């Protein structure tokens, strides 16, 4: 009857109950190396799951310096990857907000998105400065400014505002959508606050969630 070779015996069966010291060292070294290799493979994956600095920045509030923004002009800042418009409205621009109410789909912004402190006819904290997220509420296109009253491309009755070039939705100078156009709601107003007379903080108003 043949005796099984050492290679086929259970660990420790060959040569008594103890594992050969040299073999034990080899097994321990192999385990340590294997564990280190596994840790090395997992670590880059865990690091890659951490948000990048840019991703963090996209969700953070942003400052906007309006000191050089002249009446009738618009500036754009990026917040959360979205364009935020800041318009310095003239007295003439503000006057149109009463004239066009009967033509609007939601003149009092009852179903539209804005902070409570901007739920007014101007949709702003200070009437002269309008702050809007410049994304159409229809399919997410970005409207363009059409501030000139009677713009040839808009018609003689046009009072000024914004036009979405994708499907023709029109918004007034408070970002309120005109009735009978595809966009269902007014342009959103983000949370914001004044840090000074010439600086805004977009994305945070200090009032919590």
Protein backbone atom coordinates (compact mmCIF):
# COMPACT_ATOMS: atom_id res chain seq x y z
CA UNK A 1 0.00 0.00 0.00
CA UNK A 2 1.58 3.22 -1.09
CA UNK A 3 2.08 6.12 1.28
CA UNK A 4 0.66 9.47 0.18
CA UNK A 5 3.28 11.97 -0.76
CA UNK A 6 3.89 14.96 1.48
CA UNK A 7 2.31 17.26 -1.10
CA UNK A 8 -1.06 15.53 -0.72
CA UNK A 9 -1.09 15.42 3.06
CA UNK A 10 -3.03 17.96 5.13
CA UNK A 11 -1.00 20.82 6.48
CA UNK A 12 1.06 19.59 9.41
CA UNK A 13 0.60 15.89 8.60
CA UNK A 14 4.03 15.44 7.14
CA UNK A 15 6.91 15.02 9.52
CA UNK A 16 4.80 15.35 12.68
CA UNK A 17 2.27 17.86 13.91
CA UNK A 18 4.35 21.00 13.49
CA UNK A 19 4.73 23.02 10.33
CA UNK A 20 8.24 23.38 9.07
CA UNK A 21 9.57 26.80 10.31
CA UNK A 22 10.76 27.81 6.86
CA UNK A 23 7.40 26.93 5.39
CA UNK A 24 5.58 28.86 8.15
CA UNK A 25 7.61 32.00 7.34
CA UNK A 26 6.77 31.61 3.67
CA UNK A 27 3.02 31.34 4.42
CA UNK A 28 3.05 34.35 6.76
CA UNK A 29 4.98 36.41 4.23
CA UNK A 30 2.51 35.40 1.50
CA UNK A 31 -0.46 36.43 3.65
CA UNK A 32 1.07 39.79 4.48
CA UNK A 33 1.92 40.42 0.83
CA UNK A 34 -1.58 39.40 -0.24
CA UNK A 35 -3.17 41.67 2.35
CA UNK A 36 -0.98 44.57 1.30
CA UNK A 37 -1.85 43.99 -2.35
CA UNK A 38 -5.58 43.95 -1.52
CA UNK A 39 -5.28 47.16 0.47
CA UNK A 40 -3.37 48.78 -2.37
CA UNK A 41 -6.11 47.78 -4.80
CA UNK A 42 -8.90 49.13 -2.58
CA UNK A 43 -7.28 52.44 -1.59
CA UNK A 44 -7.38 54.14 -5.05
CA UNK A 45 -11.06 53.16 -5.36
CA UNK A 46 -11.90 54.74 -1.99
CA UNK A 47 -9.99 57.88 -2.90
CA UNK A 48 -11.81 58.08 -6.23
CA UNK A 49 -15.14 58.04 -4.38
CA UNK A 50 -14.32 61.22 -2.50
CA UNK A 51 -15.83 64.35 -4.13
CA UNK A 52 -13.37 66.50 -6.01
CA UNK A 53 -12.67 70.06 -4.94
CA UNK A 54 -14.50 71.29 -8.03
CA UNK A 55 -17.56 69.18 -7.18
CA UNK A 56 -17.59 70.65 -3.69
CA UNK A 57 -17.23 74.14 -5.10
CA UNK A 58 -20.16 73.68 -7.48
CA UNK A 59 -22.52 73.24 -4.56
CA UNK A 60 -21.14 76.13 -2.53
CA UNK A 61 -22.54 79.67 -2.48
CA UNK A 62 -20.77 82.16 -4.75
CA UNK A 63 -20.06 85.87 -4.40
CA UNK A 64 -21.12 88.31 -7.11
CA UNK A 65 -19.64 91.81 -7.29
CA UNK A 66 -22.25 94.13 -8.83
CA UNK A 67 -20.32 97.37 -8.34
CA UNK A 68 -19.65 97.76 -12.08
CA UNK A 69 -23.10 96.62 -13.26
CA UNK A 70 -24.72 99.64 -14.93
CA UNK A 71 -28.49 100.21 -15.16
CA UNK A 72 -29.88 98.18 -18.06
CA UNK A 73 -27.00 95.67 -17.97
CA UNK A 74 -26.89 91.98 -17.11
CA UNK A 75 -24.09 89.84 -15.68
CA UNK A 76 -23.88 86.07 -15.34
CA UNK A 77 -22.25 84.01 -12.58
CA UNK A 78 -22.06 80.22 -12.25
CA UNK A 79 -23.62 78.49 -9.26
CA UNK A 80 -24.09 74.71 -8.97
CA UNK A 81 -23.18 74.49 -12.64
CA UNK A 82 -26.08 76.78 -13.59
CA UNK A 83 -26.05 80.30 -15.06
CA UNK A 84 -27.39 82.87 -12.62
CA UNK A 85 -28.41 86.20 -14.14
CA UNK A 86 -28.18 89.48 -12.29
CA UNK A 87 -29.96 92.35 -14.05
CA UNK A 88 -29.68 95.98 -12.97
CA UNK A 89 -33.17 97.15 -13.90
CA UNK A 90 -33.90 100.76 -14.80
CA UNK A 91 -37.02 102.62 -13.65
CA UNK A 92 -38.45 102.11 -17.14
CA UNK A 93 -37.82 98.36 -16.92
CA UNK A 94 -39.51 98.18 -13.52
CA UNK A 95 -42.54 100.07 -14.83
CA UNK A 96 -43.26 97.30 -17.36
CA UNK A 97 -43.87 94.81 -14.53
CA UNK A 98 -47.29 96.30 -13.90
CA UNK A 99 -48.16 96.77 -17.56
CA UNK A 100 -47.86 93.11 -18.58
CA UNK A 101 -49.64 91.34 -15.69
CA UNK A 102 -52.74 90.44 -17.73
CA UNK A 103 -50.53 88.66 -20.29
CA UNK A 104 -48.69 86.42 -17.83
CA UNK A 105 -49.36 82.79 -16.94
CA UNK A 106 -48.44 83.23 -13.26
CA UNK A 107 -48.21 86.97 -12.50
CA UNK A 108 -48.08 86.50 -8.71
CA UNK A 109 -45.60 83.60 -8.89
CA UNK A 110 -47.96 81.33 -6.93
CA UNK A 111 -46.68 78.12 -8.51
CA UNK A 112 -43.15 79.24 -9.27
CA UNK A 113 -39.91 78.77 -7.39
CA UNK A 114 -38.51 81.65 -5.37
CA UNK A 115 -37.75 82.40 -1.72
CA UNK A 116 -40.61 83.96 0.25
CA UNK A 117 -38.79 87.29 0.39
CA UNK A 118 -38.86 87.42 -3.42
CA UNK A 119 -42.53 86.51 -3.78
CA UNK A 120 -43.49 90.00 -4.88
CA UNK A 121 -44.14 91.81 -8.14
CA UNK A 122 -40.43 92.53 -8.63
CA UNK A 123 -39.36 89.01 -7.56
CA UNK A 124 -36.37 90.52 -5.79
CA UNK A 125 -35.06 91.89 -2.50
CA UNK A 126 -34.18 95.26 -3.99
CA UNK A 127 -36.38 96.19 -6.96
CA UNK A 128 -33.50 97.42 -9.11
CA UNK A 129 -31.60 94.10 -8.98
CA UNK A 130 -33.14 90.94 -10.43
CA UNK A 131 -31.51 87.57 -9.67
CA UNK A 132 -32.64 84.53 -11.69
CA UNK A 133 -31.49 81.03 -12.58
CA UNK A 134 -31.23 81.36 -16.35
CA UNK A 135 -32.73 77.98 -17.26
CA UNK A 136 -36.09 77.71 -19.02
CA UNK A 137 -38.73 75.78 -17.09
CA UNK A 138 -39.81 73.97 -20.26
CA UNK A 139 -36.89 71.76 -21.31
CA UNK A 140 -33.90 73.37 -19.62
CA UNK A 141 -32.59 75.59 -22.42
CA UNK A 142 -31.02 78.95 -21.57
CA UNK A 143 -33.03 82.00 -22.70
CA UNK A 144 -31.39 85.11 -24.12
CA UNK A 145 -31.85 88.72 -23.09
CA UNK A 146 -34.20 90.81 -25.20
CA UNK A 147 -34.27 94.02 -23.19
CA UNK A 148 -35.11 96.47 -25.98
CA UNK A 149 -38.84 97.38 -26.07
CA UNK A 150 -40.34 96.83 -29.50
CA UNK A 151 -37.42 94.59 -30.55
CA UNK A 152 -37.97 93.86 -34.29
CA UNK A 153 -37.71 90.13 -33.67
CA UNK A 154 -40.22 90.24 -30.83
CA UNK A 155 -42.91 92.58 -32.14
CA UNK A 156 -43.94 96.17 -31.53
CA UNK A 157 -45.82 95.30 -28.32
CA UNK A 158 -42.77 93.72 -26.70
CA UNK A 159 -41.89 95.44 -23.40
CA UNK A 160 -38.54 93.76 -22.83
CA UNK A 161 -37.51 90.52 -21.18
CA UNK A 162 -36.12 87.14 -22.21
CA UNK A 163 -36.69 84.71 -25.09
CA UNK A 164 -36.00 80.98 -25.03
CA UNK A 165 -34.72 80.27 -28.57
CA UNK A 166 -35.48 76.53 -28.37
CA UNK A 167 -39.29 76.65 -28.28
CA UNK A 168 -40.14 80.34 -28.12
CA UNK A 169 -41.16 80.80 -24.49
CA UNK A 170 -41.11 84.45 -23.42
CA UNK A 171 -40.43 85.90 -19.98
CA UNK A 172 -40.80 89.45 -18.72
CA UNK A 173 -38.24 91.51 -16.82
CA UNK A 174 -39.07 89.67 -13.58
CA UNK A 175 -38.62 86.26 -15.22
CA UNK A 176 -42.38 85.63 -15.35
CA UNK A 177 -43.55 83.54 -18.28
CA UNK A 178 -46.11 84.84 -20.75
CA UNK A 179 -49.26 82.76 -21.19
CA UNK A 180 -49.74 80.45 -24.18
CA UNK A 181 -46.07 79.50 -24.44
CA UNK A 182 -44.51 76.08 -23.69
CA UNK A 183 -42.76 76.98 -20.42
CA UNK A 184 -45.13 76.16 -17.53
CA UNK A 185 -43.58 78.31 -14.79
CA UNK A 186 -41.61 81.47 -14.16
CA UNK A 187 -37.82 81.34 -14.12
CA UNK A 188 -36.53 80.26 -10.67
CA UNK A 189 -35.11 82.76 -8.20
CA UNK A 190 -32.30 81.24 -6.09
CA UNK A 191 -31.68 81.96 -2.43
CA UNK A 192 -29.40 84.97 -2.05
CA UNK A 193 -28.54 87.85 0.23
CA UNK A 194 -26.64 91.12 0.17
CA UNK A 195 -23.22 91.06 1.80
CA UNK A 196 -22.93 94.79 1.10
CA UNK A 197 -24.49 97.33 -1.27
CA UNK A 198 -22.27 96.02 -4.07
CA UNK A 199 -21.85 92.33 -3.30
CA UNK A 200 -24.33 89.44 -3.35
CA UNK A 201 -24.03 85.90 -2.04
CA UNK A 202 -25.81 83.49 -4.38
CA UNK A 203 -27.04 80.17 -2.96
CA UNK A 204 -27.29 81.11 0.70
CA UNK A 205 -29.51 83.58 2.52
CA UNK A 206 -28.56 82.70 6.09
CA UNK A 207 -32.08 81.38 6.75
CA UNK A 208 -31.25 77.67 6.68
CA UNK A 209 -32.78 75.07 4.38
